[in-house]
Protein backbone atom coordinates (compact mmCIF):
# COMPACT_ATOMS: atom_id res chain seq x y z
CA MET A 1 25.11 -19.77 7.32
CA GLU A 2 22.42 -18.93 5.78
CA ILE A 3 20.86 -15.33 4.19
CA LYS A 4 17.40 -15.51 2.73
CA ILE A 5 15.86 -12.00 1.37
CA ASP A 6 12.17 -12.29 0.85
CA PHE A 7 9.94 -9.63 -0.18
CA HIS A 8 6.31 -8.95 -1.22
CA TRP A 9 3.81 -6.23 -2.70
CA GLN A 10 1.25 -4.97 -0.75
CA LEU A 11 -1.58 -2.33 -1.09
CA THR A 12 -3.07 -0.83 2.10
CA GLN A 13 -6.59 0.56 1.40
CA HIS A 14 -8.43 2.14 4.39
CA GLY A 15 -5.96 0.39 7.08
CA LYS A 16 -6.62 -2.87 5.26
CA PRO A 17 -3.34 -4.74 3.78
CA HIS A 18 -3.98 -6.57 0.61
CA HIS A 19 -1.07 -8.77 -0.11
CA ILE A 20 -0.48 -8.94 -4.32
CA ASP A 21 0.36 -12.50 -4.93
CA ASP A 22 3.14 -12.86 -7.84
CA ILE A 23 0.47 -14.56 -9.94
CA LEU A 24 -0.82 -10.67 -10.68
CA PHE A 25 2.41 -9.97 -12.14
CA GLN A 26 3.12 -13.06 -13.91
CA MET A 27 -0.46 -13.05 -15.47
CA LEU A 28 0.03 -9.26 -16.69
CA GLU A 29 3.47 -10.20 -18.39
CA ALA A 30 1.91 -13.42 -20.02
CA ILE A 31 -1.08 -11.08 -21.28
CA GLN A 32 1.49 -8.73 -22.83
CA GLN A 33 3.70 -11.40 -24.24
CA GLU A 34 1.19 -13.66 -25.57
CA GLY A 35 -1.43 -11.25 -26.80
CA SER A 36 -4.37 -12.48 -24.95
CA LEU A 37 -5.52 -13.79 -21.79
CA LYS A 38 -6.82 -17.24 -23.33
CA GLN A 39 -3.01 -17.83 -24.08
CA ALA A 40 -1.62 -16.10 -21.17
CA THR A 41 -4.03 -18.89 -18.80
CA GLU A 42 -2.69 -21.34 -21.13
CA LYS A 43 1.24 -20.56 -20.59
CA LEU A 44 0.62 -20.46 -16.68
CA GLY A 45 -1.60 -23.38 -16.43
CA VAL A 46 -4.19 -21.44 -14.63
CA SER A 47 -7.99 -21.22 -15.55
CA TYR A 48 -9.60 -18.88 -17.72
CA ARG A 49 -12.03 -17.98 -14.53
CA PHE A 50 -9.05 -17.69 -12.12
CA ALA A 51 -7.70 -15.02 -14.50
CA TRP A 52 -10.78 -13.21 -15.05
CA GLY A 53 -11.22 -13.24 -10.73
CA LEU A 54 -7.95 -11.85 -10.28
CA LEU A 55 -8.21 -9.07 -12.66
CA ASN A 56 -11.23 -8.03 -11.56
CA LYS A 57 -10.30 -7.97 -7.91
CA TRP A 58 -7.34 -5.98 -8.48
CA GLU A 59 -9.16 -3.55 -10.88
CA ALA A 60 -11.89 -2.85 -8.53
CA LEU A 61 -9.20 -2.47 -5.56
CA LEU A 62 -7.08 -0.11 -7.52
CA GLY A 63 -10.21 1.57 -9.62
CA GLN A 64 -8.65 1.40 -12.93
CA PRO A 65 -8.30 -1.35 -15.41
CA LEU A 66 -5.29 -3.06 -15.41
CA VAL A 67 -5.53 -4.22 -18.94
CA ILE A 68 -7.54 -3.45 -22.11
CA LEU A 69 -9.06 -6.74 -23.35
CA GLU A 70 -10.80 -6.69 -26.68
CA ARG A 71 -13.17 -9.77 -27.56
CA GLY A 72 -12.15 -11.68 -30.50
CA ARG A 73 -8.92 -10.09 -30.87
CA GLY A 74 -6.52 -13.34 -29.74
């Protein structure tokens, strides 16, 4: 017998569900740990462009910033 439990995060806005991929949480954690978006992307092996797109998408859906990024503050 094998039992598997799986869960996922979801935001429903105007009746439309938006699945929140685990990479968003991994990215936020890596930004906090590494102190910069660039270092977080390197740690996770994703492109800088992908990370910006991910953050912009979820900030727009949630209507508020997820992180405060300061230029040149690595």
